[in-house]
Amino acid sequence: MPKQSNYKDYPVLFVDDEEDNLRIFKENMDDYFTVYTAISGAEGLDILEKHKNIAVAIADQRMPHMPGTEFLKLVKERYPDIVRMILTAFAEFEIAIDAINDGNIYKYILKPWEVQLLRIEIIRAIDQHLLKKEKDRLYEEKIRTVKKMARANRLAALGILAAGISHEIKNQLVPIKTFVQSFPNMKDDEFYCTRLYTIAEEEMANIEKLLNRLMVFSRSSSPHFEYENINELLNDLILMTEGERKKKRIKIVKNLSDNLPKAFIDKEKINQLFLNLILNGFQAMPEDGTLKIETSIPVEHNNCIRVIVEDTGKGIPEENMEKVFDLFFTTKEPGKGTGLGLSIVHHTVDEHRGSIEIESEVEKGTKFSVTLPVDPMSFDRRQKERRIDEPSDG
């Protein structure tokens, strides 16, 4: 928080239709703050347009043409970072409370105001402004960090997929190689050549399909929402992770709902989300484990899709349950995990206005339940109710 001598760097706008009040305010506050005054809401908006660095706007409620609450509502719409305060008589108290609950003002000051008390409230308002700016800066920094880590996580996942697909391609090349090597000696055996040729052709098609899916997954693109079939997406991921699954002889049990609607999603990010959960399940299990993948329409949210990924791995200790989505948190040995995957899963679910829940029991396994709205753009997550005595963000 800045020292008092720096408060002049954060100007204050005072709006009142009485010139004497403007003069008194300026005389008493000029030594502490950079002060702009306006005799009407319209003039106040003009000043805000010219001076983009104003931190606090104070308005008298009872003004002709544009009451203080209406002026501050416009300020909120156009300049949401400005902290807004209103001067009101006791008789207008309920108007001020409504304005607070609507988020249009940060605080009300009862008239007649005392110079010292108002000065303190302005200092607090500037502090609030700075806190909000810092919060926004930290949030933007977090988003940048998550994006960088998502790219790193994506490359790590692609490495695992490429290794698995390479193994699959080698297996599928066997009949092709056999056909090519034996053809000179067996070309007169029509049945043998036809049969082996058909197998080789099928394996070439499988190789092409695997490579195409890998290319689609690895192709980086800007965020793009379209209606996609979640079941098809999961089936593709299961196919792409086949090599990794075979290494540990993991059994996959699918229970995909037939009546699942298409979901409006960013396919690239949702692909990454479920790939992380599938690979996380593989890594959590010893050999011969079971991974269950289930899709359904939740009874309590028929405009949503639920995807469950459940493993029979070692589970998550209770003391780690609240940390699993933290950046860089991992229980893996050094060099074997970055702690990126689940934090990116959480971020992607949040971007799609969904939710994710974890159930886990040590030595028995972990279940991730991801609920995604069919259309996140029209889905309104329930917000906590604001208390009357709680100030807004400013």
Protein backbone atom coordinates (compact mmCIF):
# COMPACT_ATOMS: atom_id res chain seq x y z
CA MET A 1 0.00 0.00 0.00
CA PRO A 2 1.40 3.45 -0.87
CA LYS A 3 2.40 5.97 1.75
CA GLN A 4 0.13 8.97 2.28
CA SER A 5 2.48 11.22 0.27
CA ASN A 6 1.69 9.13 -2.82
CA TYR A 7 -2.08 9.50 -2.70
CA LYS A 8 -1.87 12.48 -5.02
CA ASP A 9 -0.97 10.01 -7.77
CA TYR A 10 -4.55 8.71 -7.64
CA PRO A 11 -6.96 11.57 -8.45
CA VAL A 12 -10.40 12.05 -6.90
CA LEU A 13 -13.48 13.36 -8.68
CA PHE A 14 -16.10 15.17 -6.55
CA VAL A 15 -19.54 15.86 -8.10
CA ASP A 16 -22.09 18.18 -6.44
CA ASP A 17 -24.59 20.67 -7.85
CA GLU A 18 -23.75 23.27 -5.18
CA GLU A 19 -20.68 25.38 -5.92
CA ASP A 20 -20.02 26.09 -2.23
CA ASN A 21 -19.71 22.37 -1.55
CA LEU A 22 -17.27 21.97 -4.44
CA ARG A 23 -15.16 24.87 -3.13
CA ILE A 24 -15.14 23.53 0.47
CA PHE A 25 -14.19 20.04 -0.71
CA LYS A 26 -11.33 21.31 -2.84
CA GLU A 27 -9.99 23.63 -0.11
CA ASN A 28 -9.92 20.80 2.45
CA MET A 29 -8.65 17.98 0.22
CA ASP A 30 -6.22 19.68 -2.18
CA ASP A 31 -3.23 19.20 0.09
CA TYR A 32 -3.82 15.43 0.24
CA PHE A 33 -5.23 14.46 -3.16
CA THR A 34 -5.35 15.54 -6.77
CA VAL A 35 -8.91 16.86 -6.92
CA TYR A 36 -11.26 17.34 -9.87
CA THR A 37 -14.73 18.83 -9.32
CA ALA A 38 -17.89 18.84 -11.43
CA ILE A 39 -21.22 20.61 -10.89
CA SER A 40 -23.31 17.90 -12.61
CA GLY A 41 -23.20 14.24 -13.57
CA ALA A 42 -22.78 15.15 -17.24
CA GLU A 43 -19.76 17.33 -16.46
CA GLY A 44 -18.38 14.56 -14.24
CA LEU A 45 -18.56 12.07 -17.11
CA ASP A 46 -16.72 14.54 -19.36
CA ILE A 47 -13.92 14.83 -16.81
CA LEU A 48 -13.65 11.06 -16.50
CA GLU A 49 -13.35 10.82 -20.28
CA LYS A 50 -10.45 13.30 -20.27
CA HIS A 51 -8.64 11.95 -17.18
CA LYS A 52 -8.35 8.15 -17.38
CA ASN A 53 -6.33 7.81 -14.18
CA ILE A 54 -9.04 8.90 -11.70
CA ALA A 55 -9.21 6.40 -8.84
CA VAL A 56 -12.22 7.58 -6.80
CA ALA A 57 -15.54 9.20 -7.81
CA ILE A 58 -17.74 10.82 -5.13
CA ALA A 59 -21.18 12.15 -5.95
CA ASP A 60 -24.00 13.82 -4.04
CA GLN A 61 -27.23 11.85 -4.33
CA ARG A 62 -29.63 14.78 -4.64
CA MET A 63 -28.72 16.48 -7.93
CA PRO A 64 -31.07 17.66 -10.71
CA HIS A 65 -31.14 15.85 -14.07
CA MET A 66 -28.89 13.01 -12.86
CA PRO A 67 -28.99 11.73 -9.23
CA GLY A 68 -25.77 10.47 -7.71
CA THR A 69 -26.79 6.79 -7.95
CA GLU A 70 -27.50 7.13 -11.67
CA PHE A 71 -24.18 8.91 -12.26
CA LEU A 72 -22.23 6.25 -10.34
CA LYS A 73 -24.01 3.45 -12.17
CA LEU A 74 -22.74 4.94 -15.44
CA VAL A 75 -19.27 5.26 -13.93
CA LYS A 76 -19.33 1.56 -13.04
CA GLU A 77 -20.34 0.59 -16.58
CA ARG A 78 -17.70 2.74 -18.27
CA TYR A 79 -14.86 2.73 -15.73
CA PRO A 80 -15.26 -0.34 -13.46
CA ASP A 81 -11.86 0.18 -11.78
CA ILE A 82 -12.94 3.50 -10.22
CA VAL A 83 -14.06 3.22 -6.60
CA ARG A 84 -17.46 4.87 -6.20
CA MET A 85 -18.87 6.64 -3.10
CA ILE A 86 -22.08 8.57 -2.56
CA LEU A 87 -23.05 11.42 -0.24
CA THR A 88 -26.56 10.95 1.05
CA ALA A 89 -28.94 12.28 3.70
CA PHE A 90 -30.32 9.85 6.25
CA ALA A 91 -33.71 9.97 4.53
CA GLU A 92 -32.05 8.52 1.39
CA PHE A 93 -30.33 5.72 3.31
CA GLU A 94 -32.29 2.90 1.62
CA ILE A 95 -31.31 4.22 -1.82
CA ALA A 96 -27.65 3.99 -0.82
CA ILE A 97 -28.08 0.42 0.49
CA ASP A 98 -29.72 -0.63 -2.78
CA ALA A 99 -26.84 0.91 -4.72
CA ILE A 100 -24.34 -1.06 -2.61
CA ASN A 101 -26.23 -4.33 -3.13
CA ASP A 102 -26.35 -3.67 -6.88
CA GLY A 103 -22.57 -3.18 -6.84
CA ASN A 104 -22.84 0.40 -8.10
CA ILE A 105 -21.14 2.02 -5.11
CA TYR A 106 -18.43 1.00 -2.67
CA LYS A 107 -19.57 3.10 0.29
CA TYR A 108 -22.00 5.80 1.36
CA ILE A 109 -21.20 8.90 3.44
CA LEU A 110 -23.96 10.52 5.48
CA LYS A 111 -24.40 14.29 5.20
CA PRO A 112 -23.32 16.63 6.55
CA TRP A 113 -19.86 15.10 6.12
CA GLU A 114 -16.92 15.82 8.39
CA VAL A 115 -13.66 16.76 6.67
CA GLN A 116 -11.40 14.43 8.64
CA LEU A 117 -13.69 11.42 8.35
CA LEU A 118 -14.23 11.96 4.63
CA ARG A 119 -10.48 12.28 4.12
CA ILE A 120 -9.98 8.92 5.83
CA GLU A 121 -12.67 7.31 3.68
CA ILE A 122 -11.04 8.62 0.50
CA ILE A 123 -7.70 7.16 1.59
CA ARG A 124 -9.44 3.82 2.16
CA ALA A 125 -11.11 4.07 -1.24
CA ILE A 126 -7.76 4.67 -2.95
CA ASP A 127 -6.34 1.68 -1.07
CA GLN A 128 -9.30 -0.35 -2.34
CA HIS A 129 -8.58 0.84 -5.88
CA LEU A 130 -4.95 -0.25 -5.58
CA LEU A 131 -5.93 -3.63 -4.14
CA LYS A 132 -8.25 -4.24 -7.07
CA LYS A 133 -5.58 -3.24 -9.59
CA GLU A 134 -3.09 -5.53 -7.89
CA LYS A 135 -5.65 -8.36 -7.82
CA ASP A 136 -6.28 -7.89 -11.55
CA ARG A 137 -2.54 -7.85 -12.25
CA LEU A 138 -1.98 -11.05 -10.28
CA TYR A 139 -4.92 -12.72 -12.02
CA GLU A 140 -3.55 -11.80 -15.45
CA GLU A 141 -0.14 -13.07 -14.40
CA LYS A 142 -1.71 -16.34 -13.23
CA ILE A 143 -3.51 -16.75 -16.57
CA ARG A 144 -0.25 -16.17 -18.45
CA THR A 145 1.50 -18.72 -16.22
CA VAL A 146 -1.26 -21.30 -16.69
CA LYS A 147 -1.11 -20.83 -20.48
CA LYS A 148 2.65 -21.36 -20.50
CA MET A 149 2.30 -24.43 -18.33
CA ALA A 150 -0.54 -25.75 -20.49
CA ARG A 151 1.80 -25.64 -23.47
CA ALA A 152 4.49 -27.47 -21.47
CA ASN A 153 1.95 -30.02 -20.28
CA ARG A 154 0.71 -30.46 -23.83
CA LEU A 155 4.21 -31.21 -25.08
CA ALA A 156 4.72 -33.74 -22.28
CA ALA A 157 1.42 -35.44 -23.14
CA LEU A 158 2.32 -35.47 -26.84
CA GLY A 159 5.59 -37.18 -25.96
CA ILE A 160 3.70 -39.94 -24.15
CA LEU A 161 1.21 -40.26 -27.02
CA ALA A 162 3.96 -40.31 -29.63
CA ALA A 163 5.81 -43.07 -27.77
CA GLY A 164 2.63 -45.14 -27.48
CA ILE A 165 1.61 -44.58 -31.08
CA SER A 166 5.14 -45.44 -32.23
CA HIS A 167 4.78 -48.79 -30.48
CA GLU A 168 1.40 -49.37 -32.13
CA ILE A 169 2.73 -48.46 -35.57
CA LYS A 170 5.61 -50.93 -35.16
CA ASN A 171 3.09 -53.69 -34.41
CA GLN A 172 0.95 -52.74 -37.39
CA LEU A 173 3.97 -52.69 -39.70
CA VAL A 174 4.62 -56.39 -39.03
CA PRO A 175 1.96 -57.78 -41.45
CA ILE A 176 2.88 -55.10 -44.01
CA LYS A 177 6.55 -56.07 -43.82
CA THR A 178 5.63 -59.75 -43.96
CA PHE A 179 3.57 -59.20 -47.09
CA VAL A 180 6.33 -57.23 -48.83
CA GLN A 181 9.05 -59.77 -47.95
CA SER A 182 7.07 -62.87 -48.84
CA PHE A 183 5.38 -61.53 -51.98
CA PRO A 184 8.17 -62.56 -54.43
CA ASN A 185 7.96 -66.19 -53.28
CA MET A 186 4.18 -66.36 -52.78
CA LYS A 187 2.89 -64.23 -55.69
CA ASP A 188 1.42 -67.28 -57.40
CA ASP A 189 -0.64 -68.20 -54.31
CA GLU A 190 -3.75 -66.13 -54.96
CA PHE A 191 -5.45 -66.90 -51.63
CA TYR A 192 -2.33 -66.11 -49.59
CA CYS A 193 -1.60 -62.88 -51.46
CA THR A 194 -5.19 -61.67 -51.33
CA ARG A 195 -5.53 -62.42 -47.62
CA LEU A 196 -2.20 -60.85 -46.65
CA TYR A 197 -2.80 -57.88 -48.93
CA THR A 198 -6.17 -57.22 -47.20
CA ILE A 199 -4.54 -57.36 -43.76
CA ALA A 200 -1.71 -55.07 -44.85
CA GLU A 201 -4.21 -52.60 -46.32
CA GLU A 202 -6.22 -52.55 -43.07
CA GLU A 203 -3.09 -51.98 -40.99
CA MET A 204 -2.02 -49.11 -43.27
CA ALA A 205 -5.44 -47.52 -42.76
CA ASN A 206 -5.05 -47.92 -38.97
CA ILE A 207 -1.62 -46.30 -39.07
CA GLU A 208 -3.00 -43.39 -41.10
CA LYS A 209 -5.89 -43.01 -38.65
CA LEU A 210 -3.52 -42.92 -35.66
CA LEU A 211 -1.25 -40.36 -37.29
CA ASN A 212 -4.19 -38.16 -38.28
CA ARG A 213 -5.51 -38.16 -34.73
CA LEU A 214 -2.09 -37.30 -33.36
CA MET A 215 -1.79 -34.42 -35.85
CA VAL A 216 -5.22 -33.08 -34.89
CA PHE A 217 -4.36 -33.25 -31.22
CA SER A 218 -0.95 -31.62 -31.64
CA ARG A 219 -2.21 -28.79 -33.83
CA SER A 220 -2.20 -25.61 -31.75
CA SER A 221 -5.04 -23.19 -32.38
CA SER A 222 -6.66 -20.18 -30.82
CA PRO A 223 -9.64 -20.82 -28.50
CA HIS A 224 -12.55 -22.00 -30.60
CA PHE A 225 -15.90 -23.22 -29.29
CA GLU A 226 -18.00 -25.62 -31.35
CA TYR A 227 -20.59 -28.30 -30.67
CA GLU A 228 -18.70 -31.57 -30.25
CA ASN A 229 -19.57 -35.18 -29.38
CA ILE A 230 -17.91 -35.94 -26.03
CA ASN A 231 -18.22 -39.71 -26.54
CA GLU A 232 -16.33 -39.53 -29.85
CA LEU A 233 -13.68 -37.37 -28.25
CA LEU A 234 -13.18 -39.90 -25.42
CA ASN A 235 -13.07 -42.84 -27.85
CA ASP A 236 -10.34 -41.09 -29.84
CA LEU A 237 -8.32 -40.47 -26.67
CA ILE A 238 -8.67 -44.11 -25.62
CA LEU A 239 -7.37 -45.19 -29.02
CA MET A 240 -4.48 -42.72 -28.87
CA THR A 241 -3.40 -43.94 -25.41
CA GLU A 242 -3.59 -47.62 -26.37
CA GLY A 243 0.19 -48.01 -26.34
CA GLU A 244 0.49 -46.57 -22.85
CA ARG A 245 -2.39 -48.79 -21.67
CA LYS A 246 -0.79 -51.97 -23.01
CA LYS A 247 2.50 -51.28 -21.23
CA LYS A 248 0.77 -51.79 -17.87
CA ARG A 249 -1.94 -54.22 -19.07
CA ILE A 250 -4.63 -51.85 -17.87
CA LYS A 251 -8.23 -52.77 -18.57
CA ILE A 252 -10.55 -49.99 -19.77
CA VAL A 253 -14.25 -50.24 -18.95
CA LYS A 254 -16.45 -47.84 -20.94
CA ASN A 255 -20.02 -46.90 -20.14
CA LEU A 256 -20.86 -44.09 -22.56
CA SER A 257 -24.44 -42.81 -22.64
CA ASP A 258 -26.20 -43.20 -26.00
CA ASN A 259 -28.37 -40.10 -25.59
CA LEU A 260 -25.61 -37.61 -24.81
CA PRO A 261 -26.18 -34.20 -26.47
CA LYS A 262 -23.32 -32.41 -28.19
CA ALA A 263 -21.53 -29.87 -26.00
CA PHE A 264 -20.36 -26.38 -26.92
CA ILE A 265 -16.67 -26.67 -26.03
CA ASP A 266 -13.15 -25.71 -26.97
CA LYS A 267 -12.21 -29.14 -28.34
CA GLU A 268 -8.46 -28.65 -27.97
CA LYS A 269 -8.71 -27.78 -24.28
CA ILE A 270 -11.27 -30.48 -23.47
CA ASN A 271 -9.08 -33.02 -25.27
CA GLN A 272 -6.19 -31.96 -23.04
CA LEU A 273 -8.42 -32.10 -19.95
CA PHE A 274 -9.50 -35.71 -20.43
CA LEU A 275 -6.11 -36.83 -21.73
CA ASN A 276 -4.61 -35.56 -18.46
CA LEU A 277 -7.19 -37.48 -16.42
CA ILE A 278 -6.66 -40.70 -18.42
CA LEU A 279 -2.86 -40.51 -18.24
CA ASN A 280 -3.09 -39.57 -14.56
CA GLY A 281 -5.14 -42.72 -13.98
CA PHE A 282 -2.63 -44.89 -15.87
CA GLN A 283 0.25 -43.48 -13.83
CA ALA A 284 -1.60 -43.97 -10.54
CA MET A 285 -2.17 -47.69 -11.14
CA PRO A 286 0.11 -50.70 -10.94
CA GLU A 287 -0.06 -53.32 -13.69
CA ASP A 288 -3.43 -54.99 -14.36
CA GLY A 289 -5.43 -52.04 -13.01
CA THR A 290 -8.82 -50.91 -14.31
CA LEU A 291 -9.79 -47.49 -15.66
CA LYS A 292 -13.51 -46.76 -15.89
CA ILE A 293 -14.79 -44.02 -18.20
CA GLU A 294 -18.46 -43.10 -17.98
CA THR A 295 -20.64 -40.38 -19.52
CA SER A 296 -24.16 -39.40 -18.51
CA ILE A 297 -26.65 -36.58 -18.15
CA PRO A 298 -26.81 -35.74 -14.42
CA VAL A 299 -30.30 -35.90 -12.94
CA GLU A 300 -29.82 -32.62 -11.07
CA HIS A 301 -28.49 -30.77 -14.17
CA ASN A 302 -30.20 -31.95 -17.36
CA ASN A 303 -28.47 -29.19 -19.34
CA CYS A 304 -25.06 -30.62 -18.45
CA ILE A 305 -22.86 -33.59 -19.30
CA ARG A 306 -21.00 -35.58 -16.66
CA VAL A 307 -17.82 -37.50 -17.39
CA ILE A 308 -16.37 -39.84 -14.75
CA VAL A 309 -12.80 -41.13 -14.95
CA GLU A 310 -12.12 -43.66 -12.18
CA ASP A 311 -8.96 -45.67 -11.53
CA THR A 312 -8.04 -48.49 -9.15
CA GLY A 313 -4.75 -46.88 -8.19
CA LYS A 314 -3.08 -45.99 -4.92
CA GLY A 315 -5.53 -43.17 -4.13
CA ILE A 316 -4.91 -39.72 -2.67
CA PRO A 317 -4.21 -39.24 1.06
CA GLU A 318 -6.72 -37.01 2.81
CA GLU A 319 -4.06 -34.38 3.60
CA ASN A 320 -3.37 -33.95 -0.14
CA MET A 321 -6.98 -33.75 -1.36
CA GLU A 322 -7.09 -29.95 -1.17
CA LYS A 323 -3.74 -29.58 -2.93
CA VAL A 324 -4.22 -31.73 -6.03
CA PHE A 325 -5.24 -28.78 -8.23
CA ASP A 326 -2.48 -26.47 -6.96
CA LEU A 327 0.15 -25.41 -9.47
CA PHE A 328 3.25 -27.61 -9.38
CA PHE A 329 1.87 -29.90 -6.66
CA THR A 330 2.92 -33.50 -7.29
CA THR A 331 3.57 -36.60 -5.19
CA LYS A 332 5.64 -38.24 -7.93
CA GLU A 333 9.36 -38.75 -7.68
CA PRO A 334 11.61 -35.86 -8.87
CA GLY A 335 11.77 -35.80 -12.66
CA LYS A 336 8.63 -37.89 -13.07
CA GLY A 337 5.97 -35.24 -12.65
CA THR A 338 5.60 -31.48 -12.93
CA GLY A 339 2.33 -31.02 -11.08
CA LEU A 340 0.87 -29.26 -14.11
CA GLY A 341 -1.80 -31.68 -15.34
CA LEU A 342 -4.50 -31.37 -12.69
CA SER A 343 -4.10 -27.59 -12.27
CA ILE A 344 -4.74 -27.25 -16.01
CA VAL A 345 -7.72 -29.62 -15.72
CA HIS A 346 -9.20 -27.36 -13.04
CA HIS A 347 -8.53 -24.22 -15.09
CA THR A 348 -10.17 -25.69 -18.20
CA VAL A 349 -13.25 -26.85 -16.29
CA ASP A 350 -13.56 -23.37 -14.80
CA GLU A 351 -13.24 -21.75 -18.27
CA HIS A 352 -16.16 -23.89 -19.43
CA ARG A 353 -18.20 -22.89 -16.32
CA GLY A 354 -18.23 -26.47 -15.17
CA SER A 355 -17.25 -28.22 -11.95
CA ILE A 356 -14.98 -31.08 -10.94
CA GLU A 357 -15.20 -33.31 -7.87
CA ILE A 358 -12.77 -35.89 -6.49
CA GLU A 359 -13.48 -38.99 -4.43
CA SER A 360 -10.49 -41.02 -3.34
CA GLU A 361 -9.57 -43.79 -0.96
CA VAL A 362 -5.98 -44.79 -0.28
CA GLU A 363 -5.02 -48.11 -1.94
CA LYS A 364 -8.45 -48.35 -3.58
CA GLY A 365 -8.49 -45.64 -6.23
CA THR A 366 -9.64 -42.20 -7.29
CA LYS A 367 -12.71 -40.96 -9.12
CA PHE A 368 -12.83 -37.64 -10.97
CA SER A 369 -16.33 -36.36 -11.86
CA VAL A 370 -16.34 -33.57 -14.42
CA THR A 371 -19.62 -31.76 -15.07
CA LEU A 372 -19.73 -29.52 -18.15
CA PRO A 373 -22.70 -27.40 -19.27
CA VAL A 374 -23.97 -28.23 -22.74
CA ASP A 375 -23.79 -24.50 -23.51
CA PRO A 376 -21.44 -22.65 -21.14
CA MET A 377 -22.35 -19.29 -22.69
CA SER A 378 -25.91 -19.49 -21.36
CA PHE A 379 -25.12 -21.42 -18.18
CA ASP A 380 -25.26 -19.28 -15.02
CA ARG A 381 -23.39 -20.74 -12.08
CA ARG A 382 -25.04 -19.83 -8.80
CA GLN A 383 -23.28 -16.92 -7.15
CA LYS A 384 -22.97 -16.35 -3.42
CA GLU A 385 -25.38 -13.70 -2.18
CA ARG A 386 -23.79 -10.44 -1.15
CA ARG A 387 -24.48 -9.29 2.40
CA ILE A 388 -25.84 -5.76 2.81
CA ASP A 389 -22.98 -4.76 5.04
CA GLU A 390 -20.32 -6.08 2.63
CA PRO A 391 -18.77 -3.52 0.27
CA SER A 392 -18.47 -4.39 -3.40
CA ASP A 393 -15.17 -4.70 -5.26
CA GLY A 394 -15.37 -1.01 -5.99
